[in-house]
Amino acid sequence: MLRRHFTTLALGALATPALAQGAEAWPTRPVRFVAPTAAGGALDRVARLLAQQLSDRFGQSFLVENRGGAAGVPGMDIVAKAQPDGYTLLFAAAPIALNTALGMRLPYDVGRDFAPVSLVASIPALAVVHPTRPERSLSDVIAAGKTPAGFNMAVPNVGAVTHLMAEVLRAKSGPGFTVVAYRGAGQAIQDALSGQVHGFYDALVPTGAHVVGGRLRGIAIGSRQRHPMLPDVATVIEQGMPELLGSGFYGILAPAGTDPAIQRKLHAGIVAAMGEGTELRTRLIAQGYEVHASTPAEYTAFIQNEITRWTPVVRAAGIKVE
């Protein structure tokens, strides 16, 4: 059923002449980007940078409205129930897929209530250890979990994509491998820096800066190729664990039923703002992000794949989100 919903949304419907005329003029007033996270985080930074570029290109303000808390559910629900007129959009992170994979009771249906427009950017996952630790690879971490001393891996939140990746490692290890889920990355990274925990699994941004500074040791990055910020850190593919390929990701969705012509116009603006050689693309890459500007169909398939991929991991690990 979910796959059929996604296919329907990706195909869209033919616009009537009246709607087509409205789409041609869109936007004629400010557009609201609902960011279902607190201000100042990675998603918020990308949203504001892109919003400024779209404001310049379309001649109307694109305003970021932060609606954090509760795994982003209230913010996402606002967009799911908004008028599908192109003036309320969602700037979503990984919970757009993970909340469904986690089996959460949601007031919306991801496949039915949203029209994915574009995957915008992502941040590779990064596994690190304190520099006093002996581990230098994922295999070392797995082996440490099989010893009497054990190994504990901190993650920023229950249900975060890096939490699920850590659970994959735990399943490969022994009873001494422990996943420690924090309530936010701030305290988790402080405990990793002080050596209170053995390892930390989070995103390249901002954790990679501590590896560059020598305060943490990178042992694996979840991208297909080594990252220029950390050229000495081997990828999960190089280490024989492609199932850990992944990242936090950010994309734009509209309410289901939004005129496909508006979606196409918005997508064209995103592609223009983030194309090769643009200031925004250069800036994001310099900060450690991977830039995508995918098609609606590609983003739709990506969300579905993340749900399909992580659902069995959640069930096997018995993860419960309150």
Protein backbone atom coordinates (compact mmCIF):
# COMPACT_ATOMS: atom_id res chain seq x y z
CA MET A 1 0.00 0.00 0.00
CA LEU A 2 2.79 2.42 0.94
CA ARG A 3 4.65 1.72 -2.30
CA ARG A 4 1.47 2.39 -4.32
CA HIS A 5 0.97 5.68 -2.49
CA PHE A 6 4.50 6.78 -3.29
CA THR A 7 4.08 5.84 -6.94
CA THR A 8 0.87 7.81 -7.15
CA LEU A 9 2.48 10.87 -5.61
CA ALA A 10 5.47 10.66 -7.90
CA LEU A 11 3.32 10.57 -11.01
CA GLY A 12 1.00 13.40 -9.92
CA ALA A 13 -2.10 14.49 -11.75
CA LEU A 14 -2.75 16.72 -14.73
CA ALA A 15 -3.46 20.31 -13.75
CA THR A 16 -6.62 22.04 -14.90
CA PRO A 17 -6.22 25.25 -16.95
CA ALA A 18 -7.12 27.35 -13.90
CA LEU A 19 -4.54 25.61 -11.74
CA ALA A 20 -1.97 25.89 -14.49
CA GLN A 21 -2.47 29.67 -14.59
CA GLY A 22 -2.00 29.79 -10.81
CA ALA A 23 1.16 27.75 -11.08
CA GLU A 24 2.53 30.08 -13.74
CA ALA A 25 2.20 33.04 -11.34
CA TRP A 26 3.42 31.16 -8.24
CA PRO A 27 4.69 32.46 -5.90
CA THR A 28 2.77 35.71 -5.51
CA ARG A 29 3.28 35.91 -1.73
CA PRO A 30 5.73 34.60 0.89
CA VAL A 31 6.32 30.85 1.07
CA ARG A 32 6.66 29.09 4.42
CA PHE A 33 9.31 26.40 4.93
CA VAL A 34 8.37 24.39 8.02
CA ALA A 35 11.56 22.96 9.54
CA PRO A 36 10.56 20.30 12.12
CA THR A 37 13.67 20.89 14.24
CA ALA A 38 14.97 23.54 16.58
CA ALA A 39 16.78 26.55 15.15
CA GLY A 40 20.53 26.33 14.73
CA GLY A 41 20.89 22.68 13.78
CA ALA A 42 22.17 21.19 10.53
CA LEU A 43 18.75 21.04 8.87
CA ASP A 44 17.98 24.61 9.90
CA ARG A 45 21.25 25.89 8.43
CA VAL A 46 20.66 24.21 5.07
CA ALA A 47 17.02 25.34 5.01
CA ARG A 48 17.94 28.98 5.60
CA LEU A 49 20.70 28.98 3.00
CA LEU A 50 18.40 27.50 0.37
CA ALA A 51 15.49 29.72 1.39
CA GLN A 52 17.60 32.80 0.73
CA GLN A 53 18.57 31.55 -2.72
CA LEU A 54 14.96 30.75 -3.62
CA SER A 55 13.84 34.15 -2.34
CA ASP A 56 16.34 35.79 -4.69
CA ARG A 57 15.31 33.63 -7.65
CA PHE A 58 11.55 33.90 -7.27
CA GLY A 59 11.29 37.45 -5.94
CA GLN A 60 9.25 36.35 -2.93
CA SER A 61 10.32 35.59 0.62
CA PHE A 62 10.87 31.95 1.58
CA LEU A 63 10.61 31.99 5.37
CA VAL A 64 11.86 29.20 7.64
CA GLU A 65 9.54 28.38 10.54
CA ASN A 66 11.03 26.07 13.17
CA ARG A 67 8.67 23.56 14.77
CA GLY A 68 10.95 21.28 16.76
CA GLY A 69 10.23 18.53 19.27
CA ALA A 70 8.57 15.10 19.29
CA ALA A 71 10.79 13.70 16.53
CA GLY A 72 9.54 16.41 14.20
CA VAL A 73 6.01 14.99 14.12
CA PRO A 74 4.11 18.24 14.94
CA GLY A 75 5.97 20.17 12.24
CA MET A 76 5.45 17.48 9.64
CA ASP A 77 1.77 17.23 10.54
CA ILE A 78 1.33 20.96 9.93
CA VAL A 79 2.44 20.51 6.33
CA ALA A 80 0.51 17.27 5.85
CA LYS A 81 -2.70 19.14 6.72
CA ALA A 82 -1.86 22.45 5.01
CA GLN A 83 -3.60 23.77 1.93
CA PRO A 84 -1.84 22.26 -1.12
CA ASP A 85 -1.29 25.67 -2.71
CA GLY A 86 2.51 25.75 -2.72
CA TYR A 87 2.80 28.24 0.13
CA THR A 88 3.47 25.78 2.97
CA LEU A 89 6.35 23.36 2.38
CA LEU A 90 8.25 20.90 4.53
CA PHE A 91 12.02 20.93 4.88
CA ALA A 92 12.42 17.44 6.30
CA ALA A 93 15.26 15.43 7.76
CA ALA A 94 15.66 11.66 8.17
CA PRO A 95 12.62 11.30 10.49
CA ILE A 96 10.38 11.70 7.42
CA ALA A 97 11.30 8.03 6.83
CA LEU A 98 12.60 6.85 10.20
CA ASN A 99 9.44 7.69 12.16
CA THR A 100 7.57 5.20 10.00
CA ALA A 101 10.36 2.61 10.25
CA LEU A 102 10.28 3.02 14.04
CA GLY A 103 6.60 2.08 14.08
CA MET A 104 5.51 5.39 15.58
CA ARG A 105 1.82 6.25 15.64
CA LEU A 106 1.71 9.20 13.30
CA PRO A 107 -1.13 11.65 12.57
CA TYR A 108 -0.16 11.52 8.88
CA ASP A 109 0.79 8.90 6.30
CA VAL A 110 4.11 9.61 4.62
CA GLY A 111 3.10 8.04 1.32
CA ARG A 112 -0.40 9.50 1.20
CA ASP A 113 -0.05 13.00 2.64
CA PHE A 114 3.16 14.35 1.09
CA ALA A 115 4.47 15.06 -2.40
CA PRO A 116 8.29 14.74 -2.35
CA VAL A 117 9.90 17.49 -4.43
CA SER A 118 13.67 17.05 -4.03
CA LEU A 119 16.35 15.50 -1.87
CA VAL A 120 18.57 18.51 -1.24
CA ALA A 121 21.59 17.49 0.81
CA SER A 122 22.96 14.85 3.14
CA ILE A 123 25.68 14.38 5.75
CA PRO A 124 27.58 11.08 5.88
CA ALA A 125 27.50 9.19 9.15
CA LEU A 126 30.81 9.05 11.01
CA ALA A 127 31.97 6.54 13.63
CA VAL A 128 34.69 7.77 15.98
CA VAL A 129 36.53 6.66 19.10
CA HIS A 130 38.52 8.49 21.73
CA PRO A 131 42.16 8.76 20.57
CA THR A 132 43.35 6.78 23.61
CA ARG A 133 41.35 3.77 22.41
CA PRO A 134 43.10 1.01 20.40
CA GLU A 135 40.33 0.57 17.80
CA ARG A 136 41.07 1.79 14.29
CA SER A 137 38.32 0.10 12.26
CA LEU A 138 34.77 -1.19 12.53
CA SER A 139 36.13 -4.72 12.80
CA ASP A 140 38.14 -3.63 15.84
CA VAL A 141 35.01 -2.17 17.42
CA ILE A 142 33.06 -5.37 16.81
CA ALA A 143 35.92 -7.43 18.27
CA ALA A 144 36.08 -5.19 21.35
CA GLY A 145 32.42 -5.92 22.03
CA LYS A 146 33.27 -9.61 22.29
CA THR A 147 35.86 -9.10 25.03
CA PRO A 148 35.20 -9.05 28.80
CA ALA A 149 35.97 -5.32 28.87
CA GLY A 150 33.35 -4.68 26.20
CA PHE A 151 32.72 -1.59 24.13
CA ASN A 152 30.08 1.14 24.44
CA MET A 153 28.97 3.26 21.51
CA ALA A 154 27.19 6.55 22.15
CA VAL A 155 24.50 7.80 19.74
CA PRO A 156 22.75 11.19 19.86
CA ASN A 157 19.13 10.05 20.07
CA VAL A 158 16.94 6.97 20.24
CA GLY A 159 15.86 6.19 16.69
CA ALA A 160 18.46 8.37 14.97
CA VAL A 161 19.92 6.83 11.82
CA THR A 162 23.26 6.47 13.61
CA HIS A 163 21.47 4.65 16.45
CA LEU A 164 20.24 2.12 13.90
CA MET A 165 23.74 1.83 12.44
CA ALA A 166 25.15 1.20 15.91
CA GLU A 167 22.55 -1.54 16.39
CA VAL A 168 23.79 -3.19 13.20
CA LEU A 169 27.28 -3.25 14.72
CA ARG A 170 25.93 -4.59 18.01
CA ALA A 171 24.24 -7.46 16.18
CA LYS A 172 27.61 -8.38 14.66
CA SER A 173 29.40 -8.19 18.00
CA GLY A 174 28.97 -9.85 21.38
CA PRO A 175 27.17 -9.22 24.67
CA GLY A 176 29.79 -6.69 25.67
CA PHE A 177 28.77 -4.27 22.93
CA THR A 178 26.46 -1.62 24.38
CA VAL A 179 24.61 1.16 22.58
CA VAL A 180 24.13 4.25 24.76
CA ALA A 181 21.41 6.54 23.43
CA TYR A 182 21.51 10.15 24.64
CA ARG A 183 18.90 12.88 24.46
CA GLY A 184 20.69 15.05 21.97
CA ALA A 185 24.17 15.17 20.50
CA GLY A 186 25.56 17.85 22.84
CA GLN A 187 26.17 15.72 25.93
CA ALA A 188 27.02 12.65 23.85
CA ILE A 189 29.85 14.37 22.05
CA GLN A 190 31.16 15.87 25.29
CA ASP A 191 31.32 12.40 26.83
CA ALA A 192 33.06 11.10 23.70
CA LEU A 193 35.63 13.90 23.91
CA SER A 194 36.30 13.22 27.59
CA GLY A 195 36.53 9.46 27.10
CA GLN A 196 33.47 8.73 29.25
CA VAL A 197 32.24 6.58 26.35
CA HIS A 198 34.45 4.51 24.07
CA GLY A 199 32.94 5.54 20.76
CA PHE A 200 30.42 7.88 19.17
CA TYR A 201 28.31 7.45 16.05
CA ASP A 202 26.99 10.70 14.62
CA ALA A 203 27.14 12.84 11.48
CA LEU A 204 30.27 14.17 9.81
CA VAL A 205 29.00 17.68 10.60
CA PRO A 206 29.94 18.69 13.28
CA THR A 207 31.78 15.62 14.64
CA GLY A 208 34.34 15.62 11.82
CA ALA A 209 35.83 18.87 13.11
CA HIS A 210 36.93 17.06 16.29
CA VAL A 211 38.65 14.40 14.17
CA VAL A 212 40.45 17.08 12.18
CA GLY A 213 41.56 18.65 15.46
CA GLY A 214 42.84 15.32 16.82
CA ARG A 215 40.38 15.19 19.70
CA LEU A 216 38.66 12.08 18.28
CA ARG A 217 39.78 9.34 15.88
CA GLY A 218 37.62 8.60 12.86
CA ILE A 219 37.21 4.89 12.13
CA ALA A 220 34.55 4.80 9.40
CA ILE A 221 32.53 7.14 7.23
CA GLY A 222 29.19 6.19 5.70
CA SER A 223 29.79 7.52 2.20
CA ARG A 224 30.67 5.72 -1.03
CA GLN A 225 33.97 7.54 -1.32
CA ARG A 226 36.36 8.96 1.23
CA HIS A 227 35.45 12.47 2.24
CA PRO A 228 37.87 15.32 1.47
CA MET A 229 37.50 16.58 5.03
CA LEU A 230 38.80 13.23 6.37
CA PRO A 231 40.79 11.57 3.58
CA ASP A 232 42.43 9.10 5.97
CA VAL A 233 39.13 7.68 7.27
CA ALA A 234 38.09 4.54 5.38
CA THR A 235 34.53 4.18 4.11
CA VAL A 236 32.17 1.47 5.32
CA ILE A 237 32.35 -0.04 1.84
CA GLU A 238 36.13 -0.30 2.05
CA GLN A 239 35.64 -2.07 5.37
CA GLY A 240 33.21 -4.58 3.90
CA MET A 241 30.07 -3.22 5.56
CA PRO A 242 27.95 -1.57 2.83
CA GLU A 243 24.87 -2.00 5.03
CA LEU A 244 26.22 0.95 7.05
CA LEU A 245 26.25 3.22 4.02
CA GLY A 246 24.10 6.17 4.95
CA SER A 247 23.62 9.59 6.36
CA GLY A 248 21.35 12.20 7.70
CA PHE A 249 19.44 13.72 4.79
CA TYR A 250 17.38 16.80 4.04
CA GLY A 251 14.72 17.37 1.44
CA ILE A 252 11.66 19.36 0.47
CA LEU A 253 8.13 18.02 0.37
CA ALA A 254 4.80 19.66 -0.42
CA PRO A 255 1.37 18.63 0.82
CA ALA A 256 -0.20 15.94 -1.33
CA GLY A 257 -2.43 17.44 -3.99
CA THR A 258 -0.13 20.38 -4.69
CA ASP A 259 -0.36 21.33 -8.36
CA PRO A 260 2.34 19.35 -10.20
CA ALA A 261 3.17 22.49 -12.18
CA ILE A 262 4.04 24.27 -8.92
CA GLN A 263 6.14 21.30 -7.88
CA ARG A 264 8.02 21.40 -11.18
CA LYS A 265 8.61 25.14 -10.86
CA LEU A 266 9.90 24.74 -7.30
CA HIS A 267 12.12 21.84 -8.33
CA ALA A 268 13.59 23.86 -11.18
CA GLY A 269 14.40 26.64 -8.70
CA ILE A 270 16.13 24.18 -6.37
CA VAL A 271 18.20 22.74 -9.21
CA ALA A 272 19.20 26.23 -10.35
CA ALA A 273 20.15 27.26 -6.81
CA MET A 274 22.23 24.14 -6.16
CA GLY A 275 23.66 23.35 -9.59
CA GLU A 276 27.31 22.95 -10.47
CA GLY A 277 29.36 26.05 -9.72
CA THR A 278 26.69 27.83 -7.67
CA GLU A 279 27.64 29.67 -4.49
CA LEU A 280 25.27 27.56 -2.38
CA ARG A 281 26.61 24.24 -3.67
CA THR A 282 30.20 25.33 -3.11
CA ARG A 283 29.42 26.55 0.38
CA LEU A 284 27.60 23.37 1.45
CA ILE A 285 30.32 21.08 0.11
CA ALA A 286 32.96 23.14 1.93
CA GLN A 287 31.03 22.61 5.16
CA GLY A 288 30.98 18.82 4.66
CA TYR A 289 27.56 18.27 3.08
CA GLU A 290 26.83 16.20 0.00
CA VAL A 291 24.57 18.05 -2.46
CA HIS A 292 21.87 16.26 -4.46
CA ALA A 293 18.94 18.28 -5.92
CA SER A 294 17.30 15.00 -6.95
CA THR A 295 14.13 14.55 -8.98
CA PRO A 296 10.80 14.04 -7.18
CA ALA A 297 10.77 10.39 -8.28
CA GLU A 298 14.29 9.84 -6.93
CA TYR A 299 13.43 11.42 -3.58
CA THR A 300 10.22 9.39 -3.37
CA ALA A 301 12.17 6.17 -3.97
CA PHE A 302 14.85 7.23 -1.47
CA ILE A 303 12.31 7.72 1.33
CA GLN A 304 10.67 4.38 0.58
CA ASN A 305 14.04 2.63 0.56
CA GLU A 306 14.97 4.10 3.95
CA ILE A 307 11.69 2.84 5.43
CA THR A 308 12.20 -0.62 3.95
CA ARG A 309 15.84 -0.73 4.97
CA TRP A 310 15.55 0.25 8.61
CA THR A 311 12.22 -1.34 9.64
CA PRO A 312 13.72 -4.84 10.18
CA VAL A 313 16.68 -3.34 12.11
CA VAL A 314 14.27 -1.58 14.46
CA ARG A 315 12.28 -4.78 15.01
CA ALA A 316 15.36 -6.94 15.57
CA ALA A 317 16.81 -4.47 18.08
CA GLY A 318 13.46 -4.00 19.84
CA ILE A 319 13.74 -0.21 19.67
CA LYS A 320 10.79 1.62 21.21
CA VAL A 321 10.25 5.35 20.84
CA GLU A 322 8.19 7.05 23.54
